[in-house]
């Protein structure tokens, strides 16, 4: 069953096309990594999904129209943006009181059990917490809400590597139960490589790649090529080539894995390298079409 389904999703801001006919389907119980450069349309897409702005085209989230049925939808949705959104003057216990008062599916006891694993005191104000602590507070609030869809927009922005790892570990071990759906956007793409089940690249308001991680592993191949085999590898038409200290790395899509592996060391590409290759190819195609 689809948690999110979009057909021809389009959004314009004046003369700027933020979403250009997006087709999108996210099944329930999946963890989608939505990746794109700045200005690609990620946040606009999330805002449409959350019912925060009108749009053209068709969009269903948990079987509802997010723009006309947002009140009902928000009973089943949680959202984390940059942790700086929490008021700096508020105390931790006041945050718990507030969420308990506005969200019918908030379990205060569960939130308190998560906070008990931290050093966060209930009488402390948000402004007195480190950014890592604020992220822990935010996560405790969200994990205590019985939501079917969790949307994370750059949730670990500005956090050090230790808190980023703890954030994703808590998300997987304490929240995700294979029935909830999670969408996460981040520029720290390497850190979600082993967290997500599905990957989507968006650029210039369009989806340019959308596969499960299993399909990524079977479809794309990266080759550290032997110096004397570079020409033979290039003859197999890689989608990208980059130079490193030890030689050349070529990336292939849909190539014969056994044939490619005879020319060097083959492996599945990381998300960051795949993203750079796909976006660079799209930009080249766009430039060629404009000439």
Protein backbone atom coordinates (compact mmCIF):
# COMPACT_ATOMS: atom_id res chain seq x y z
CA UNK A 1 0.00 0.00 0.00
CA UNK A 2 1.31 3.45 -0.87
CA UNK A 3 1.94 5.88 1.97
CA UNK A 4 2.63 8.70 -0.51
CA UNK A 5 1.63 8.85 -4.16
CA UNK A 6 2.14 11.85 -6.43
CA UNK A 7 1.30 12.26 -10.10
CA UNK A 8 2.30 15.34 -12.05
CA UNK A 9 3.07 17.26 -8.84
CA UNK A 10 3.91 20.83 -9.78
CA UNK A 11 4.58 24.02 -7.84
CA UNK A 12 5.56 27.44 -9.13
CA UNK A 13 6.72 30.50 -7.24
CA UNK A 14 6.31 33.33 -9.73
CA UNK A 15 8.51 32.42 -12.68
CA UNK A 16 10.42 29.77 -10.69
CA UNK A 17 9.34 26.17 -11.17
CA UNK A 18 10.09 24.42 -7.87
CA UNK A 19 8.40 21.12 -8.73
CA UNK A 20 8.13 20.14 -12.38
CA UNK A 21 5.64 17.28 -12.73
CA UNK A 22 7.02 14.94 -10.07
CA UNK A 23 5.96 11.28 -10.11
CA UNK A 24 6.49 9.64 -6.73
CA UNK A 25 5.36 6.54 -4.86
CA UNK A 26 6.52 5.59 -1.36
CA UNK A 27 5.25 2.31 0.06
CA UNK A 28 4.27 2.00 3.71
CA UNK A 29 7.00 0.75 6.02
CA UNK A 30 9.89 2.11 3.93
CA UNK A 31 12.66 4.60 4.77
CA UNK A 32 13.22 6.96 1.85
CA UNK A 33 16.31 9.09 1.45
CA UNK A 34 15.34 12.17 -0.58
CA UNK A 35 18.56 13.74 -1.84
CA UNK A 36 19.16 16.83 -3.97
CA UNK A 37 21.29 19.96 -4.26
CA UNK A 38 20.18 23.25 -2.73
CA UNK A 39 17.19 24.62 -4.61
CA UNK A 40 16.33 21.25 -6.16
CA UNK A 41 12.77 21.19 -4.75
CA UNK A 42 13.21 18.88 -1.73
CA UNK A 43 11.72 21.20 0.88
CA UNK A 44 8.92 22.24 -1.47
CA UNK A 45 8.03 18.58 -2.00
CA UNK A 46 8.03 17.96 1.76
CA UNK A 47 5.87 21.04 2.37
CA UNK A 48 3.36 19.77 -0.17
CA UNK A 49 3.33 16.34 1.50
CA UNK A 50 2.76 18.01 4.88
CA UNK A 51 -0.08 20.16 3.55
CA UNK A 52 1.80 23.42 4.07
CA UNK A 53 1.30 24.78 0.56
CA UNK A 54 -1.07 24.32 -2.38
CA UNK A 55 0.10 22.57 -5.54
CA UNK A 56 -0.97 21.37 -8.96
CA UNK A 57 -1.32 17.71 -9.84
CA UNK A 58 -2.40 14.78 -7.70
CA UNK A 59 -1.05 13.99 -4.24
CA UNK A 60 -2.27 11.46 -1.70
CA UNK A 61 -0.62 11.00 1.71
CA UNK A 62 -1.96 8.13 3.82
CA UNK A 63 -4.99 8.15 1.55
CA UNK A 64 -5.73 11.85 2.12
CA UNK A 65 -5.34 15.08 0.22
CA UNK A 66 -2.80 16.93 2.39
CA UNK A 67 -4.03 20.40 1.40
CA UNK A 68 -7.75 19.89 2.01
CA UNK A 69 -7.53 17.26 4.77
CA UNK A 70 -4.49 18.47 6.70
CA UNK A 71 -6.19 18.46 10.11
CA UNK A 72 -6.93 14.75 9.78
CA UNK A 73 -3.56 13.94 8.21
CA UNK A 74 -1.53 15.54 11.00
CA UNK A 75 -2.92 13.01 13.47
CA UNK A 76 -0.77 10.40 11.71
CA UNK A 77 2.30 12.49 10.82
CA UNK A 78 5.35 13.79 12.71
CA UNK A 79 7.86 16.28 11.35
CA UNK A 80 11.37 17.34 12.36
CA UNK A 81 13.12 20.23 10.66
CA UNK A 82 16.32 21.85 11.86
CA UNK A 83 16.25 21.56 15.68
CA UNK A 84 16.51 25.36 16.00
CA UNK A 85 12.71 25.57 15.62
CA UNK A 86 12.10 24.94 19.33
CA UNK A 87 11.56 28.21 21.28
CA UNK A 88 14.74 29.06 23.17
CA UNK A 89 12.85 30.35 26.24
CA UNK A 90 10.82 27.20 26.86
CA UNK A 91 11.69 24.64 29.55
CA UNK A 92 11.85 20.91 28.86
CA UNK A 93 8.84 20.10 31.05
CA UNK A 94 6.85 22.84 29.28
CA UNK A 95 7.67 21.27 25.91
CA UNK A 96 6.31 17.96 27.18
CA UNK A 97 3.17 19.68 28.48
CA UNK A 98 2.62 21.48 25.19
CA UNK A 99 2.98 18.42 22.96
CA UNK A 100 0.77 16.39 25.30
CA UNK A 101 -1.88 19.09 24.97
CA UNK A 102 -1.87 19.41 21.19
CA UNK A 103 -1.17 15.90 19.86
CA UNK A 104 -3.71 13.19 20.67
CA UNK A 105 -1.20 10.37 20.02
CA UNK A 106 1.63 11.63 22.18
CA UNK A 107 2.74 9.19 24.91
CA UNK A 108 4.36 11.31 27.61
CA UNK A 109 5.65 8.31 29.55
CA UNK A 110 7.46 7.07 26.46
CA UNK A 111 9.05 10.49 25.89
CA UNK A 112 10.20 10.57 29.51
CA UNK A 113 11.74 7.11 29.15
CA UNK A 114 13.79 8.32 26.19
CA UNK A 115 14.88 11.45 28.06
CA UNK A 116 15.93 9.31 31.02
CA UNK A 117 18.74 7.93 28.82
CA UNK A 118 20.13 11.47 28.40
CA UNK A 119 21.54 14.12 30.76
CA UNK A 120 18.74 16.58 29.94
CA UNK A 121 17.10 18.08 33.04
CA UNK A 122 13.39 18.92 32.94
CA UNK A 123 13.91 22.39 34.43
CA UNK A 124 16.46 23.46 31.81
CA UNK A 125 15.52 25.88 29.06
CA UNK A 126 16.16 25.07 25.42
CA UNK A 127 18.66 27.94 25.19
CA UNK A 128 20.79 26.26 27.87
CA UNK A 129 21.00 22.95 25.97
CA UNK A 130 23.67 22.05 23.45
CA UNK A 131 22.49 21.49 19.90
CA UNK A 132 23.01 17.76 20.42
CA UNK A 133 20.77 17.83 23.48
CA UNK A 134 18.09 19.74 21.59
CA UNK A 135 18.21 17.05 18.90
CA UNK A 136 17.81 14.39 21.61
CA UNK A 137 14.82 16.29 23.04
CA UNK A 138 13.27 16.65 19.60
CA UNK A 139 13.76 12.97 18.86
CA UNK A 140 12.26 11.95 22.21
CA UNK A 141 9.14 13.99 21.42
CA UNK A 142 8.76 12.52 17.96
CA UNK A 143 9.42 8.91 18.95
CA UNK A 144 6.70 9.22 21.58
CA UNK A 145 4.09 10.06 18.94
CA UNK A 146 2.30 7.09 17.41
CA UNK A 147 2.65 8.36 13.84
CA UNK A 148 2.45 6.43 10.60
CA UNK A 149 4.66 8.89 8.71
CA UNK A 150 7.77 10.67 9.99
CA UNK A 151 9.32 13.44 7.88
CA UNK A 152 12.88 14.51 8.69
CA UNK A 153 14.24 17.58 6.88
CA UNK A 154 17.98 17.90 7.63
CA UNK A 155 17.40 16.59 11.18
CA UNK A 156 21.10 16.43 12.14
CA UNK A 157 22.19 19.73 10.61
CA UNK A 158 25.01 21.24 12.66
CA UNK A 159 25.44 18.23 14.96
CA UNK A 160 28.81 16.57 15.49
CA UNK A 161 29.41 13.07 14.17
CA UNK A 162 28.74 11.39 17.53
CA UNK A 163 25.26 12.90 17.92
CA UNK A 164 24.47 12.22 14.25
CA UNK A 165 25.25 8.53 14.72
CA UNK A 166 23.26 8.37 17.96
CA UNK A 167 20.32 10.06 16.24
CA UNK A 168 20.09 7.48 13.45
CA UNK A 169 20.79 4.56 15.81
CA UNK A 170 17.89 5.68 18.03
CA UNK A 171 15.67 6.15 15.02
CA UNK A 172 16.25 2.59 13.83
CA UNK A 173 16.39 0.80 17.18
CA UNK A 174 13.74 2.68 19.17
CA UNK A 175 11.27 3.99 16.58
CA UNK A 176 11.23 2.19 13.24
CA UNK A 177 9.12 -0.98 13.34
CA UNK A 178 8.71 -1.74 9.59
CA UNK A 179 5.15 -0.43 9.64
CA UNK A 180 6.01 3.27 9.96
CA UNK A 181 7.21 5.22 6.94
CA UNK A 182 10.12 7.66 7.19
CA UNK A 183 11.34 10.29 4.74
CA UNK A 184 14.71 11.91 5.43
CA UNK A 185 16.56 14.64 3.56
CA UNK A 186 20.19 15.36 4.35
CA UNK A 187 23.39 16.64 2.81
CA UNK A 188 25.37 14.14 4.90
CA UNK A 189 24.38 11.38 2.52
CA UNK A 190 27.02 8.84 3.51
CA UNK A 191 25.49 8.57 6.99
CA UNK A 192 22.14 7.27 5.73
CA UNK A 193 23.62 4.67 3.34
CA UNK A 194 22.79 1.82 5.72
CA UNK A 195 19.65 3.42 7.18
CA UNK A 196 17.39 3.86 4.16
CA UNK A 197 15.51 1.23 2.17
CA UNK A 198 14.87 3.48 -0.85
CA UNK A 199 16.73 6.30 -2.57
CA UNK A 200 15.42 9.22 -4.62
CA UNK A 201 17.43 11.99 -6.27
CA UNK A 202 15.69 15.24 -7.18
CA UNK A 203 17.18 18.01 -9.31
CA UNK A 204 15.67 21.06 -10.99
CA UNK A 205 12.26 20.08 -9.61
CA UNK A 206 12.31 16.61 -11.19
CA UNK A 207 12.98 13.09 -9.93
CA UNK A 208 16.13 11.88 -11.71
CA UNK A 209 16.61 8.58 -9.86
CA UNK A 210 14.28 6.42 -7.78
CA UNK A 211 15.25 2.89 -6.72
CA UNK A 212 15.27 0.62 -3.72
CA UNK A 213 18.70 0.06 -2.20
CA UNK A 214 18.57 -3.51 -3.51
CA UNK A 215 18.07 -2.15 -7.03
CA UNK A 216 20.93 0.32 -6.52
CA UNK A 217 23.26 -2.56 -5.64
CA UNK A 218 22.28 -4.60 -8.68
CA UNK A 219 22.07 -1.72 -11.17
CA UNK A 220 25.14 0.42 -10.42
CA UNK A 221 28.79 -0.59 -10.24
CA UNK A 222 31.95 1.32 -9.44
CA UNK A 223 35.33 0.14 -10.72
CA UNK A 224 38.81 0.97 -9.47
CA UNK A 225 40.40 0.20 -12.82
CA UNK A 226 43.87 -1.22 -13.38
CA UNK A 227 46.06 1.40 -15.16
CA UNK A 228 46.57 -0.86 -18.19
CA UNK A 229 42.82 -1.51 -18.50
CA UNK A 230 41.52 2.08 -18.57
CA UNK A 231 40.80 2.09 -22.31
CA UNK A 232 39.01 -1.25 -22.11
CA UNK A 233 36.90 0.03 -19.20
CA UNK A 234 36.02 3.25 -21.04
CA UNK A 235 34.86 1.18 -24.00
CA UNK A 236 32.08 -0.20 -21.76
CA UNK A 237 30.59 3.33 -21.62
CA UNK A 238 30.74 4.38 -17.96
CA UNK A 239 28.35 7.08 -16.77
CA UNK A 240 31.11 8.78 -14.79
CA UNK A 241 34.88 8.83 -14.36
CA UNK A 242 36.97 10.48 -11.70
CA UNK A 243 40.64 10.53 -10.83
CA UNK A 244 42.02 9.47 -7.44
CA UNK A 245 45.55 9.10 -6.11
CA UNK A 246 45.79 5.44 -7.13
CA UNK A 247 44.29 5.83 -10.59
CA UNK A 248 40.81 6.08 -12.10
CA UNK A 249 37.37 5.13 -10.80
CA UNK A 250 34.65 4.52 -13.38
CA UNK A 251 30.93 4.11 -12.66
CA UNK A 252 28.60 1.95 -14.73
CA UNK A 253 24.85 1.50 -14.94
CA UNK A 254 23.41 -1.82 -16.10
CA UNK A 255 26.83 -3.21 -17.10
CA UNK A 256 27.80 -6.89 -16.98
CA UNK A 257 29.25 -7.23 -13.48
CA UNK A 258 31.49 -10.16 -14.30
CA UNK A 259 32.89 -8.46 -17.39
CA UNK A 260 33.59 -5.20 -15.53
CA UNK A 261 35.19 -7.02 -12.59
CA UNK A 262 37.91 -8.43 -14.86
CA UNK A 263 39.23 -4.91 -15.37
CA UNK A 264 39.82 -3.95 -11.74
CA UNK A 265 38.25 -3.85 -8.29
CA UNK A 266 34.44 -3.67 -8.52
CA UNK A 267 32.09 -2.48 -5.77
CA UNK A 268 28.72 -0.85 -5.19
CA UNK A 269 29.11 2.96 -5.30
CA UNK A 270 28.40 5.09 -2.26
CA UNK A 271 25.38 7.39 -2.33
CA UNK A 272 27.52 10.53 -2.52
CA UNK A 273 29.49 9.35 -5.57
CA UNK A 274 26.33 8.09 -7.27
CA UNK A 275 24.60 11.40 -6.59
CA UNK A 276 27.45 13.44 -8.08
CA UNK A 277 27.53 11.23 -11.20
CA UNK A 278 23.76 11.29 -11.81
CA UNK A 279 23.35 15.02 -11.19
CA UNK A 280 26.40 15.89 -13.32
CA UNK A 281 25.00 13.82 -16.20
CA UNK A 282 21.62 15.51 -15.96
CA UNK A 283 23.20 18.94 -15.91
CA UNK A 284 25.26 18.07 -19.01
CA UNK A 285 22.12 16.90 -20.81
CA UNK A 286 20.30 20.09 -19.84
CA UNK A 287 23.17 22.24 -21.10
CA UNK A 288 23.28 20.28 -24.36
CA UNK A 289 19.54 20.70 -24.90
CA UNK A 290 19.82 24.45 -24.28
CA UNK A 291 22.39 24.92 -27.05
